[in-house]
């Protein structure tokens, strides 16, 4: 069974940065299109960044709301995915999750809370 463990969240001031990590076990994430999602209270979970599988070149795509500020990457040796968050805004406050990009997701991890506040 695939397990996903997110970490790296925290409280940060507007304009600050964080780096989130997603450690995977049970499957090689390089074989799949992977994504970072976020969910804030009262809203649906949304996909904010995705990276294609290794055979597709690891191309990346971002939601308009985070384009130019967030960067997704993957370490195939460590089987870990990252999300660099720069220029954080209060509206980025959410629980961030990693998973396969698309409808065929694995069991969700616990997520990591990102709070942007002064």
PDB file of N, CA and C in Angstrom:
ATOM      1  N   UNK A   1       0.841  -1.195   0.000  1.00  0.00           N
ATOM      2  CA  UNK A   1       0.000   0.000   0.000  1.00  0.00           C
ATOM      3  C   UNK A   1       0.876   1.244   0.000  1.00  0.00           C
ATOM      4  N   UNK A   2       0.485   2.212  -0.819  1.00  0.00           N
ATOM      5  CA  UNK A   2       1.241   3.450  -0.900  1.00  0.00           C
ATOM      6  C   UNK A   2       0.923   4.318   0.310  1.00  0.00           C
ATOM      7  N   UNK A   3       1.974   4.871   0.890  1.00  0.00           N
ATOM      8  CA  UNK A   3       1.816   5.837   1.976  1.00  0.00           C
ATOM      9  C   UNK A   3       2.489   7.140   1.592  1.00  0.00           C
ATOM     10  N   UNK A   4       1.819   8.236   1.871  1.00  0.00           N
ATOM     11  CA  UNK A   4       2.327   9.569   1.579  1.00  0.00           C
ATOM     12  C   UNK A   4       2.390  10.355   2.883  1.00  0.00           C
ATOM     13  N   UNK A   5       3.542  10.950   3.140  1.00  0.00           N
ATOM     14  CA  UNK A   5       3.730  11.719   4.370  1.00  0.00           C
ATOM     15  C   UNK A   5       4.215  13.110   4.008  1.00  0.00           C
ATOM     16  N   UNK A   6       3.366  14.090   4.271  1.00  0.00           N
ATOM     17  CA  UNK A   6       3.699  15.478   3.981  1.00  0.00           C
ATOM     18  C   UNK A   6       4.307  16.140   5.222  1.00  0.00           C
ATOM     19  N   UNK A   7       5.209  17.069   4.990  1.00  0.00           N
ATOM     20  CA  UNK A   7       5.828  17.797   6.100  1.00  0.00           C
ATOM     21  C   UNK A   7       6.333  19.138   5.594  1.00  0.00           C
ATOM     22  N   UNK A   8       6.727  20.000   6.534  1.00  0.00           N
ATOM     23  CA  UNK A   8       7.342  21.264   6.170  1.00  0.00           C
ATOM     24  C   UNK A   8       6.463  22.485   6.317  1.00  0.00           C
ATOM     25  N   UNK A   9       5.211  22.283   6.665  1.00  0.00           N
ATOM     26  CA  UNK A   9       4.319  23.426   6.836  1.00  0.00           C
ATOM     27  C   UNK A   9       4.651  24.219   8.085  1.00  0.00           C
ATOM     28  N   UNK A  10       3.938  25.312   8.251  1.00  0.00           N
ATOM     29  CA  UNK A  10       4.148  26.140   9.422  1.00  0.00           C
ATOM     30  C   UNK A  10       3.466  27.474   9.293  1.00  0.00           C
ATOM     31  N   UNK A  11       3.790  28.342  10.234  1.00  0.00           N
ATOM     32  CA  UNK A  11       3.263  29.708  10.243  1.00  0.00           C
ATOM     33  C   UNK A  11       4.313  30.631   9.636  1.00  0.00           C
ATOM     34  N   UNK A  12       3.905  31.410   8.676  1.00  0.00           N
ATOM     35  CA  UNK A  12       4.849  32.295   7.993  1.00  0.00           C
ATOM     36  C   UNK A  12       4.156  33.621   7.711  1.00  0.00           C
ATOM     37  N   UNK A  13       4.943  34.680   7.706  1.00  0.00           N
ATOM     38  CA  UNK A  13       4.390  35.997   7.405  1.00  0.00           C
ATOM     39  C   UNK A  13       4.162  36.160   5.915  1.00  0.00           C
ATOM     40  N   UNK A  14       3.256  37.035   5.540  1.00  0.00           N
ATOM     41  CA  UNK A  14       3.067  37.307   4.101  1.00  0.00           C
ATOM     42  C   UNK A  14       4.389  37.679   3.439  1.00  0.00           C
ATOM     43  N   UNK A  15       4.601  37.123   2.259  1.00  0.00           N
ATOM     44  CA  UNK A  15       5.851  37.329   1.545  1.00  0.00           C
ATOM     45  C   UNK A  15       6.913  36.307   1.862  1.00  0.00           C
ATOM     46  N   UNK A  16       6.681  35.482   2.852  1.00  0.00           N
ATOM     47  CA  UNK A  16       7.654  34.484   3.268  1.00  0.00           C
ATOM     48  C   UNK A  16       7.668  33.257   2.378  1.00  0.00           C
ATOM     49  N   UNK A  17       8.523  32.319   2.768  1.00  0.00           N
ATOM     50  CA  UNK A  17       8.722  31.100   1.977  1.00  0.00           C
ATOM     51  C   UNK A  17       8.688  29.871   2.870  1.00  0.00           C
ATOM     52  N   UNK A  18       8.290  28.770   2.269  1.00  0.00           N
ATOM     53  CA  UNK A  18       8.332  27.460   2.902  1.00  0.00           C
ATOM     54  C   UNK A  18       8.688  26.433   1.846  1.00  0.00           C
ATOM     55  N   UNK A  19       9.199  25.302   2.301  1.00  0.00           N
ATOM     56  CA  UNK A  19       9.435  24.172   1.404  1.00  0.00           C
ATOM     57  C   UNK A  19       8.743  22.957   1.996  1.00  0.00           C
ATOM     58  N   UNK A  20       7.781  22.450   1.269  1.00  0.00           N
ATOM     59  CA  UNK A  20       7.041  21.270   1.689  1.00  0.00           C
ATOM     60  C   UNK A  20       7.680  20.023   1.097  1.00  0.00           C
ATOM     61  N   UNK A  21       7.597  18.924   1.834  1.00  0.00           N
ATOM     62  CA  UNK A  21       8.117  17.648   1.373  1.00  0.00           C
ATOM     63  C   UNK A  21       7.013  16.606   1.400  1.00  0.00           C
ATOM     64  N   UNK A  22       7.122  15.670   0.493  1.00  0.00           N
ATOM     65  CA  UNK A  22       6.180  14.551   0.415  1.00  0.00           C
ATOM     66  C   UNK A  22       6.993  13.284   0.246  1.00  0.00           C
ATOM     67  N   UNK A  23       7.104  12.514   1.322  1.00  0.00           N
ATOM     68  CA  UNK A  23       7.842  11.258   1.279  1.00  0.00           C
ATOM     69  C   UNK A  23       6.881  10.121   0.947  1.00  0.00           C
ATOM     70  N   UNK A  24       7.203   9.364  -0.083  1.00  0.00           N
ATOM     71  CA  UNK A  24       6.335   8.278  -0.527  1.00  0.00           C
ATOM     72  C   UNK A  24       6.981   6.927  -0.273  1.00  0.00           C
ATOM     73  N   UNK A  25       6.166   5.965   0.078  1.00  0.00           N
ATOM     74  CA  UNK A  25       6.618   4.588   0.207  1.00  0.00           C
ATOM     75  C   UNK A  25       5.572   3.677  -0.403  1.00  0.00           C
ATOM     76  N   UNK A  26       6.030   2.549  -0.926  1.00  0.00           N
ATOM     77  CA  UNK A  26       5.124   1.587  -1.511  1.00  0.00           C
ATOM     78  C   UNK A  26       4.990   1.678  -3.017  1.00  0.00           C
ATOM     79  N   UNK A  27       5.506   2.746  -3.616  1.00  0.00           N
ATOM     80  CA  UNK A  27       5.496   2.884  -5.064  1.00  0.00           C
ATOM     81  C   UNK A  27       6.485   3.966  -5.456  1.00  0.00           C
ATOM     82  N   UNK A  28       6.977   3.879  -6.661  1.00  0.00           N
ATOM     83  CA  UNK A  28       7.938   4.860  -7.163  1.00  0.00           C
ATOM     84  C   UNK A  28       7.194   6.021  -7.801  1.00  0.00           C
ATOM     85  N   UNK A  29       7.272   7.179  -7.183  1.00  0.00           N
ATOM     86  CA  UNK A  29       6.468   8.303  -7.666  1.00  0.00           C
ATOM     87  C   UNK A  29       6.932   8.811  -9.022  1.00  0.00           C
ATOM     88  N   UNK A  30       8.157   8.468  -9.418  1.00  0.00           N
ATOM     89  CA  UNK A  30       8.641   8.931 -10.718  1.00  0.00           C
ATOM     90  C   UNK A  30       7.810   8.331 -11.870  1.00  0.00           C
ATOM     91  N   UNK A  31       7.109   7.248 -11.603  1.00  0.00           N
ATOM     92  CA  UNK A  31       6.329   6.567 -12.644  1.00  0.00           C
ATOM     93  C   UNK A  31       4.962   7.210 -12.881  1.00  0.00           C
ATOM     94  N   UNK A  32       4.617   8.165 -12.033  1.00  0.00           N
ATOM     95  CA  UNK A  32       3.268   8.726 -12.074  1.00  0.00           C
ATOM     96  C   UNK A  32       3.311  10.250 -12.191  1.00  0.00           C
ATOM     97  N   UNK A  33       2.281  10.798 -12.790  1.00  0.00           N
ATOM     98  CA  UNK A  33       2.068  12.237 -12.669  1.00  0.00           C
ATOM     99  C   UNK A  33       1.650  12.506 -11.227  1.00  0.00           C
ATOM    100  N   UNK A  34       2.351  13.422 -10.591  1.00  0.00           N
ATOM    101  CA  UNK A  34       2.115  13.711  -9.179  1.00  0.00           C
ATOM    102  C   UNK A  34       1.705  15.168  -9.007  1.00  0.00           C
ATOM    103  N   UNK A  35       1.031  15.435  -7.906  1.00  0.00           N
ATOM    104  CA  UNK A  35       0.587  16.800  -7.690  1.00  0.00           C
ATOM    105  C   UNK A  35       0.556  17.193  -6.232  1.00  0.00           C
ATOM    106  N   UNK A  36       0.554  18.484  -6.028  1.00  0.00           N
ATOM    107  CA  UNK A  36       0.301  19.066  -4.717  1.00  0.00           C
ATOM    108  C   UNK A  36      -1.098  19.687  -4.753  1.00  0.00           C
ATOM    109  N   UNK A  37      -1.847  19.386  -3.721  1.00  0.00           N
ATOM    110  CA  UNK A  37      -3.194  19.894  -3.579  1.00  0.00           C
ATOM    111  C   UNK A  37      -3.254  20.724  -2.281  1.00  0.00           C
ATOM    112  N   UNK A  38      -4.290  21.538  -2.200  1.00  0.00           N
ATOM    113  CA  UNK A  38      -4.520  22.231  -0.944  1.00  0.00           C
ATOM    114  C   UNK A  38      -6.010  22.348  -0.693  1.00  0.00           C
ATOM    115  N   UNK A  39      -6.336  22.428   0.585  1.00  0.00           N
ATOM    116  CA  UNK A  39      -7.731  22.571   0.980  1.00  0.00           C
ATOM    117  C   UNK A  39      -7.807  23.520   2.157  1.00  0.00           C
ATOM    118  N   UNK A  40      -8.607  24.546   2.007  1.00  0.00           N
ATOM    119  CA  UNK A  40      -8.845  25.487   3.089  1.00  0.00           C
ATOM    120  C   UNK A  40     -10.271  25.296   3.584  1.00  0.00           C
ATOM    121  N   UNK A  41     -10.568  25.750   4.811  1.00  0.00           N
ATOM    122  CA  UNK A  41     -11.884  25.508   5.394  1.00  0.00           C
ATOM    123  C   UNK A  41     -13.015  25.992   4.493  1.00  0.00           C
ATOM    124  N   UNK A  42     -13.990  25.135   4.288  1.00  0.00           N
ATOM    125  CA  UNK A  42     -15.151  25.497   3.493  1.00  0.00           C
ATOM    126  C   UNK A  42     -14.953  25.425   1.995  1.00  0.00           C
ATOM    127  N   UNK A  43     -13.773  25.006   1.568  1.00  0.00           N
ATOM    128  CA  UNK A  43     -13.492  24.926   0.133  1.00  0.00           C
ATOM    129  C   UNK A  43     -13.122  23.510  -0.262  1.00  0.00           C
ATOM    130  N   UNK A  44     -13.284  23.232  -1.528  1.00  0.00           N
ATOM    131  CA  UNK A  44     -12.895  21.919  -2.041  1.00  0.00           C
ATOM    132  C   UNK A  44     -11.381  21.845  -2.205  1.00  0.00           C
ATOM    133  N   UNK A  45     -10.887  20.640  -2.135  1.00  0.00           N
ATOM    134  CA  UNK A  45      -9.472  20.426  -2.369  1.00  0.00           C
ATOM    135  C   UNK A  45      -9.165  20.782  -3.825  1.00  0.00           C
ATOM    136  N   UNK A  46      -8.086  21.522  -4.031  1.00  0.00           N
ATOM    137  CA  UNK A  46      -7.720  21.943  -5.376  1.00  0.00           C
ATOM    138  C   UNK A  46      -6.272  21.549  -5.673  1.00  0.00           C
ATOM    139  N   UNK A  47      -6.053  21.233  -6.918  1.00  0.00           N
ATOM    140  CA  UNK A  47      -4.715  20.901  -7.395  1.00  0.00           C
ATOM    141  C   UNK A  47      -3.994  22.204  -7.724  1.00  0.00           C
ATOM    142  N   UNK A  48      -2.834  22.441  -7.101  1.00  0.00           N
ATOM    143  CA  UNK A  48      -2.131  23.695  -7.340  1.00  0.00           C
ATOM    144  C   UNK A  48      -0.858  23.523  -8.165  1.00  0.00           C
ATOM    145  N   UNK A  49      -0.300  22.322  -8.175  1.00  0.00           N
ATOM    146  CA  UNK A  49       0.927  22.087  -8.939  1.00  0.00           C
ATOM    147  C   UNK A  49       1.004  20.619  -9.305  1.00  0.00           C
ATOM    148  N   UNK A  50       1.504  20.327 -10.491  1.00  0.00           N
ATOM    149  CA  UNK A  50       1.680  18.948 -10.901  1.00  0.00           C
ATOM    150  C   UNK A  50       2.954  18.786 -11.703  1.00  0.00           C
ATOM    151  N   UNK A  51       3.462  17.574 -11.653  1.00  0.00           N
ATOM    152  CA  UNK A  51       4.674  17.237 -12.380  1.00  0.00           C
ATOM    153  C   UNK A  51       4.425  15.911 -13.089  1.00  0.00           C
ATOM    154  N   UNK A  52       4.785  15.841 -14.340  1.00  0.00           N
ATOM    155  CA  UNK A  52       4.509  14.631 -15.117  1.00  0.00           C
ATOM    156  C   UNK A  52       5.479  13.517 -14.730  1.00  0.00           C
ATOM    157  N   UNK A  53       5.181  12.298 -15.156  1.00  0.00           N
ATOM    158  CA  UNK A  53       6.056  11.186 -14.820  1.00  0.00           C
ATOM    159  C   UNK A  53       7.370  11.289 -15.581  1.00  0.00           C
ATOM    160  N   UNK A  54       8.302  10.466 -15.208  1.00  0.00           N
ATOM    161  CA  UNK A  54       9.660  10.585 -15.734  1.00  0.00           C
ATOM    162  C   UNK A  54       9.687  10.340 -17.239  1.00  0.00           C
ATOM    163  N   UNK A  55       8.847   9.460 -17.737  1.00  0.00           N
ATOM    164  CA  UNK A  55       8.840   9.181 -19.172  1.00  0.00           C
ATOM    165  C   UNK A  55       8.278  10.343 -19.969  1.00  0.00           C
ATOM    166  N   UNK A  56       7.560  11.224 -19.330  1.00  0.00           N
ATOM    167  CA  UNK A  56       7.018  12.423 -19.979  1.00  0.00           C
ATOM    168  C   UNK A  56       7.888  13.647 -19.721  1.00  0.00           C
ATOM    169  N   UNK A  57       9.036  13.417 -19.105  1.00  0.00           N
ATOM    170  CA  UNK A  57       9.999  14.504 -18.973  1.00  0.00           C
ATOM    171  C   UNK A  57       9.896  15.332 -17.720  1.00  0.00           C
ATOM    172  N   UNK A  58       8.977  14.999 -16.841  1.00  0.00           N
ATOM    173  CA  UNK A  58       8.872  15.767 -15.608  1.00  0.00           C
ATOM    174  C   UNK A  58       8.421  17.198 -15.818  1.00  0.00           C
ATOM    175  N   UNK A  59       7.605  17.428 -16.819  1.00  0.00           N
ATOM    176  CA  UNK A  59       7.107  18.782 -17.050  1.00  0.00           C
ATOM    177  C   UNK A  59       6.173  19.192 -15.918  1.00  0.00           C
ATOM    178  N   UNK A  60       6.082  20.492 -15.699  1.00  0.00           N
ATOM    179  CA  UNK A  60       5.309  21.009 -14.577  1.00  0.00           C
ATOM    180  C   UNK A  60       4.178  21.917 -15.044  1.00  0.00           C
ATOM    181  N   UNK A  61       3.179  22.020 -14.204  1.00  0.00           N
ATOM    182  CA  UNK A  61       2.047  22.878 -14.500  1.00  0.00           C
ATOM    183  C   UNK A  61       1.509  23.414 -13.181  1.00  0.00           C
ATOM    184  N   UNK A  62       0.982  24.639 -13.231  1.00  0.00           N
ATOM    185  CA  UNK A  62       0.557  25.295 -11.998  1.00  0.00           C
ATOM    186  C   UNK A  62      -0.798  25.953 -12.172  1.00  0.00           C
ATOM    187  N   UNK A  63      -1.528  26.004 -11.072  1.00  0.00           N
ATOM    188  CA  UNK A  63      -2.748  26.786 -11.059  1.00  0.00           C
ATOM    189  C   UNK A  63      -2.386  28.260 -11.208  1.00  0.00           C
ATOM    190  N   UNK A  64      -3.259  29.022 -11.825  1.00  0.00           N
ATOM    191  CA  UNK A  64      -2.982  30.436 -12.042  1.00  0.00           C
ATOM    192  C   UNK A  64      -2.705  31.167 -10.730  1.00  0.00           C
ATOM    193  N   UNK A  65      -3.360  30.734  -9.674  1.00  0.00           N
ATOM    194  CA  UNK A  65      -3.236  31.419  -8.394  1.00  0.00           C
ATOM    195  C   UNK A  65      -1.839  31.309  -7.783  1.00  0.00           C
ATOM    196  N   UNK A  66      -1.050  30.328  -8.215  1.00  0.00           N
ATOM    197  CA  UNK A  66       0.274  30.132  -7.622  1.00  0.00           C
ATOM    198  C   UNK A  66       1.397  30.235  -8.648  1.00  0.00           C
ATOM    199  N   UNK A  67       1.043  30.407  -9.896  1.00  0.00           N
ATOM    200  CA  UNK A  67       2.047  30.446 -10.967  1.00  0.00           C
ATOM    201  C   UNK A  67       3.032  31.578 -10.718  1.00  0.00           C
ATOM    202  N   UNK A  68       4.304  31.262 -10.834  1.00  0.00           N
ATOM    203  CA  UNK A  68       5.352  32.242 -10.604  1.00  0.00           C
ATOM    204  C   UNK A  68       5.805  32.340  -9.156  1.00  0.00           C
ATOM    205  N   UNK A  69       5.072  31.702  -8.259  1.00  0.00           N
ATOM    206  CA  UNK A  69       5.433  31.755  -6.835  1.00  0.00           C
ATOM    207  C   UNK A  69       5.788  30.388  -6.270  1.00  0.00           C
ATOM    208  N   UNK A  70       5.169  29.332  -6.772  1.00  0.00           N
ATOM    209  CA  UNK A  70       5.394  27.974  -6.272  1.00  0.00           C
ATOM    210  C   UNK A  70       6.212  27.191  -7.280  1.00  0.00           C
ATOM    211  N   UNK A  71       7.018  26.248  -6.774  1.00  0.00           N
ATOM    212  CA  UNK A  71       7.797  25.389  -7.649  1.00  0.00           C
ATOM    213  C   UNK A  71       7.748  23.947  -7.180  1.00  0.00           C
ATOM    214  N   UNK A  72       7.335  23.046  -8.061  1.00  0.00           N
ATOM    215  CA  UNK A  72       7.244  21.635  -7.741  1.00  0.00           C
ATOM    216  C   UNK A  72       8.474  20.918  -8.290  1.00  0.00           C
ATOM    217  N   UNK A  73       8.977  19.967  -7.521  1.00  0.00           N
ATOM    218  CA  UNK A  73      10.124  19.184  -7.972  1.00  0.00           C
ATOM    219  C   UNK A  73      10.061  17.798  -7.350  1.00  0.00           C
ATOM    220  N   UNK A  74      10.924  16.914  -7.846  1.00  0.00           N
ATOM    221  CA  UNK A  74      10.882  15.525  -7.394  1.00  0.00           C
ATOM    222  C   UNK A  74      12.296  14.981  -7.336  1.00  0.00           C
ATOM    223  N   UNK A  75      12.613  14.273  -6.273  1.00  0.00           N
ATOM    224  CA  UNK A  75      13.889  13.568  -6.149  1.00  0.00           C
ATOM    225  C   UNK A  75      13.600  12.083  -6.331  1.00  0.00           C
ATOM    226  N   UNK A  76      13.958  11.549  -7.488  1.00  0.00           N
ATOM    227  CA  UNK A  76      13.610  10.167  -7.811  1.00  0.00           C
ATOM    228  C   UNK A  76      14.377   9.160  -6.964  1.00  0.00           C
ATOM    229  N   UNK A  77      15.548   9.530  -6.494  1.00  0.00           N
ATOM    230  CA  UNK A  77      16.330   8.631  -5.648  1.00  0.00           C
ATOM    231  C   UNK A  77      15.698   8.529  -4.263  1.00  0.00           C
ATOM    232  N   UNK A  78      15.319   9.676  -3.705  1.00  0.00           N
ATOM    233  CA  UNK A  78      14.713   9.689  -2.377  1.00  0.00           C
ATOM    234  C   UNK A  78      13.219   9.361  -2.403  1.00  0.00           C
ATOM    235  N   UNK A  79      12.658   9.259  -3.611  1.00  0.00           N
ATOM    236  CA  UNK A  79      11.211   9.016  -3.760  1.00  0.00           C
ATOM    237  C   UNK A  79      10.416  10.065  -2.988  1.00  0.00           C
ATOM    238  N   UNK A  80      10.831  11.291  -3.144  1.00  0.00           N
ATOM    239  CA  UNK A  80      10.249  12.418  -2.421  1.00  0.00           C
ATOM    240  C   UNK A  80       9.939  13.548  -3.390  1.00  0.00           C
ATOM    241  N   UNK A  81       8.844  14.203  -3.148  1.00  0.00           N
ATOM    242  CA  UNK A  81       8.431  15.345  -3.956  1.00  0.00           C
ATOM    243  C   UNK A  81       8.438  16.575  -3.075  1.00  0.00           C
ATOM    244  N   UNK A  82       8.676  17.723  -3.699  1.00  0.00           N
ATOM    245  CA  UNK A  82       8.777  18.964  -2.947  1.00  0.00           C
ATOM    246  C   UNK A  82       7.873  20.031  -3.554  1.00  0.00           C
ATOM    247  N   UNK A  83       7.509  20.992  -2.734  1.00  0.00           N
ATOM    248  CA  UNK A  83       6.821  22.178  -3.219  1.00  0.00           C
ATOM    249  C   UNK A  83       7.461  23.378  -2.534  1.00  0.00           C
ATOM    250  N   UNK A  84       8.121  24.197  -3.329  1.00  0.00           N
ATOM    251  CA  UNK A  84       8.697  25.439  -2.825  1.00  0.00           C
ATOM    252  C   UNK A  84       7.641  26.522  -2.921  1.00  0.00           C
ATOM    253  N   UNK A  85       7.352  27.137  -1.804  1.00  0.00           N
ATOM    254  CA  UNK A  85       6.347  28.191  -1.747  1.00  0.00           C
ATOM    255  C   UNK A  85       7.057  29.515  -1.471  1.00  0.00           C
ATOM    256  N   UNK A  86       6.967  30.424  -2.406  1.00  0.00           N
ATOM    257  CA  UNK A  86       7.553  31.753  -2.253  1.00  0.00           C
ATOM    258  C   UNK A  86       6.462  32.812  -2.373  1.00  0.00           C
ATOM    259  N   UNK A  87       6.750  33.987  -1.849  1.00  0.00           N
ATOM    260  CA  UNK A  87       5.791  35.068  -1.968  1.00  0.00           C
ATOM    261  C   UNK A  87       4.430  34.714  -1.405  1.00  0.00           C
ATOM    262  N   UNK A  88       4.434  34.076  -0.243  1.00  0.00           N
ATOM    263  CA  UNK A  88       3.179  33.570   0.304  1.00  0.00           C
ATOM    264  C   UNK A  88       2.207  34.682   0.649  1.00  0.00           C
ATOM    265  N   UNK A  89       0.938  34.385   0.429  1.00  0.00           N
ATOM    266  CA  UNK A  89      -0.153  35.319   0.685  1.00  0.00           C
ATOM    267  C   UNK A  89      -1.116  34.693   1.700  1.00  0.00           C
ATOM    268  N   UNK A  90      -1.884  35.509   2.403  1.00  0.00           N
ATOM    269  CA  UNK A  90      -2.861  34.937   3.339  1.00  0.00           C
ATOM    270  C   UNK A  90      -3.800  33.928   2.687  1.00  0.00           C
ATOM    271  N   UNK A  91      -4.144  34.141   1.431  1.00  0.00           N
ATOM    272  CA  UNK A  91      -5.041  33.209   0.749  1.00  0.00           C
ATOM    273  C   UNK A  91      -4.393  31.867   0.407  1.00  0.00           C
ATOM    274  N   UNK A  92      -3.105  31.736   0.655  1.00  0.00           N
ATOM    275  CA  UNK A  92      -2.437  30.445   0.498  1.00  0.00           C
ATOM    276  C   UNK A  92      -2.605  29.568   1.738  1.00  0.00           C
ATOM    277  N   UNK A  93      -3.180  30.111   2.774  1.00  0.00           N
ATOM    278  CA  UNK A  93      -3.407  29.336   3.996  1.00  0.00           C
ATOM    279  C   UNK A  93      -4.322  28.154   3.696  1.00  0.00           C
ATOM    280  N   UNK A  94      -3.838  26.962   4.025  1.00  0.00           N
ATOM    281  CA  UNK A  94      -4.565  25.729   3.729  1.00  0.00           C
ATOM    282  C   UNK A  94      -3.772  24.546   4.269  1.00  0.00           C
ATOM    283  N   UNK A  95      -4.404  23.393   4.228  1.00  0.00           N
ATOM    284  CA  UNK A  95      -3.682  22.139   4.431  1.00  0.00           C
ATOM    285  C   UNK A  95      -3.234  21.660   3.062  1.00  0.00           C
ATOM    286  N   UNK A  96      -1.965  21.346   2.941  1.00  0.00           N
ATOM    287  CA  UNK A  96      -1.392  20.929   1.672  1.00  0.00           C
ATOM    288  C   UNK A  96      -1.159  19.419   1.681  1.00  0.00           C
ATOM    289  N   UNK A  97      -1.566  18.796   0.584  1.00  0.00           N
ATOM    290  CA  UNK A  97      -1.454  17.352   0.417  1.00  0.00           C
ATOM    291  C   UNK A  97      -0.728  17.030  -0.880  1.00  0.00           C
ATOM    292  N   UNK A  98      -0.106  15.879  -0.914  1.00  0.00           N
ATOM    293  CA  UNK A  98       0.457  15.387  -2.168  1.00  0.00           C
ATOM    294  C   UNK A  98      -0.268  14.103  -2.559  1.00  0.00           C
ATOM    295  N   UNK A  99      -0.286  13.831  -3.842  1.00  0.00           N
ATOM    296  CA  UNK A  99      -0.914  12.605  -4.343  1.00  0.00           C
ATOM    297  C   UNK A  99      -0.690  12.523  -5.845  1.00  0.00           C
ATOM    298  N   UNK A 100      -1.156  11.471  -6.432  1.00  0.00           N
ATOM    299  CA  UNK A 100      -1.145  11.390  -7.881  1.00  0.00           C
ATOM    300  C   UNK A 100      -1.991  12.519  -8.431  1.00  0.00           C
ATOM    301  N   UNK A 101      -1.612  13.026  -9.562  1.00  0.00           N
ATOM    302  CA  UNK A 101      -2.404  14.033 -10.249  1.00  0.00           C
ATOM    303  C   UNK A 101      -3.457  13.309 -11.077  1.00  0.00           C
ATOM    304  N   UNK A 102      -4.699  13.690 -10.927  1.00  0.00           N
ATOM    305  CA  UNK A 102      -5.762  13.038 -11.666  1.00  0.00           C
ATOM    306  C   UNK A 102      -6.767  12.370 -10.752  1.00  0.00           C
ATOM    307  N   UNK A 103      -7.575  11.509 -11.319  1.00  0.00           N
ATOM    308  CA  UNK A 103      -8.682  10.928 -10.551  1.00  0.00           C
ATOM    309  C   UNK A 103      -8.276   9.659  -9.809  1.00  0.00           C
ATOM    310  N   UNK A 104      -7.228   8.999 -10.267  1.00  0.00           N
ATOM    311  CA  UNK A 104      -6.830   7.744  -9.626  1.00  0.00           C
ATOM    312  C   UNK A 104      -5.824   7.999  -8.534  1.00  0.00           C
ATOM    313  N   UNK A 105      -6.293   8.527  -7.409  1.00  0.00           N
ATOM    314  CA  UNK A 105      -5.402   8.914  -6.337  1.00  0.00           C
ATOM    315  C   UNK A 105      -5.174   7.743  -5.388  1.00  0.00           C
ATOM    316  N   UNK A 106      -4.079   7.850  -4.657  1.00  0.00           N
ATOM    317  CA  UNK A 106      -3.781   6.913  -3.572  1.00  0.00           C
ATOM    318  C   UNK A 106      -4.460   7.384  -2.281  1.00  0.00           C
ATOM    319  N   UNK A 107      -4.398   6.590  -1.216  1.00  0.00           N
ATOM    320  CA  UNK A 107      -4.930   7.082   0.060  1.00  0.00           C
ATOM    321  C   UNK A 107      -4.243   8.389   0.461  1.00  0.00           C
ATOM    322  N   UNK A 108      -5.020   9.321   0.933  1.00  0.00           N
ATOM    323  CA  UNK A 108      -4.478  10.626   1.289  1.00  0.00           C
ATOM    324  C   UNK A 108      -3.672  10.556   2.585  1.00  0.00           C
ATOM    325  N   UNK A 109      -2.615  11.335   2.647  1.00  0.00           N
ATOM    326  CA  UNK A 109      -1.869  11.490   3.883  1.00  0.00           C
ATOM    327  C   UNK A 109      -2.562  12.477   4.802  1.00  0.00           C
ATOM    328  N   UNK A 110      -1.866  12.842   5.856  1.00  0.00           N
ATOM    329  CA  UNK A 110      -2.472  13.743   6.844  1.00  0.00           C
ATOM    330  C   UNK A 110      -2.362  15.210   6.420  1.00  0.00           C
ATOM    331  N   UNK A 111      -1.532  15.467   5.451  1.00  0.00           N
ATOM    332  CA  UNK A 111      -1.342  16.842   5.001  1.00  0.00           C
ATOM    333  C   UNK A 111      -0.433  17.625   5.944  1.00  0.00           C
ATOM    334  N   UNK A 112      -0.087  18.818   5.507  1.00  0.00           N
ATOM    335  CA  UNK A 112       0.722  19.711   6.333  1.00  0.00           C
ATOM    336  C   UNK A 112       0.108  21.109   6.264  1.00  0.00           C
ATOM    337  N   UNK A 113      -0.073  21.714   7.420  1.00  0.00           N
ATOM    338  CA  UNK A 113      -0.764  22.998   7.506  1.00  0.00           C
ATOM    339  C   UNK A 113       0.183  24.138   7.178  1.00  0.00           C
ATOM    340  N   UNK A 114      -0.261  24.993   6.284  1.00  0.00           N
ATOM    341  CA  UNK A 114       0.449  26.235   5.974  1.00  0.00           C
ATOM    342  C   UNK A 114      -0.457  27.385   6.372  1.00  0.00           C
ATOM    343  N   UNK A 115       0.051  28.242   7.238  1.00  0.00           N
ATOM    344  CA  UNK A 115      -0.707  29.404   7.687  1.00  0.00           C
ATOM    345  C   UNK A 115       0.105  30.650   7.388  1.00  0.00           C
ATOM    346  N   UNK A 116      -0.491  31.546   6.622  1.00  0.00           N
ATOM    347  CA  UNK A 116       0.174  32.791   6.251  1.00  0.00           C
ATOM    348  C   UNK A 116      -0.548  33.930   6.951  1.00  0.00           C
ATOM    349  N   UNK A 117       0.151  34.536   7.900  1.00  0.00           N
ATOM    350  CA  UNK A 117      -0.479  35.567   8.708  1.00  0.00           C
ATOM    351  C   UNK A 117       0.596  36.451   9.330  1.00  0.00           C
ATOM    352  N   UNK A 118       0.249  37.718   9.486  1.00  0.00           N
ATOM    353  CA  UNK A 118       1.164  38.637  10.158  1.00  0.00           C
ATOM    354  C   UNK A 118       0.836  38.726  11.642  1.00  0.00           C
TER     355      UNK A 118
END
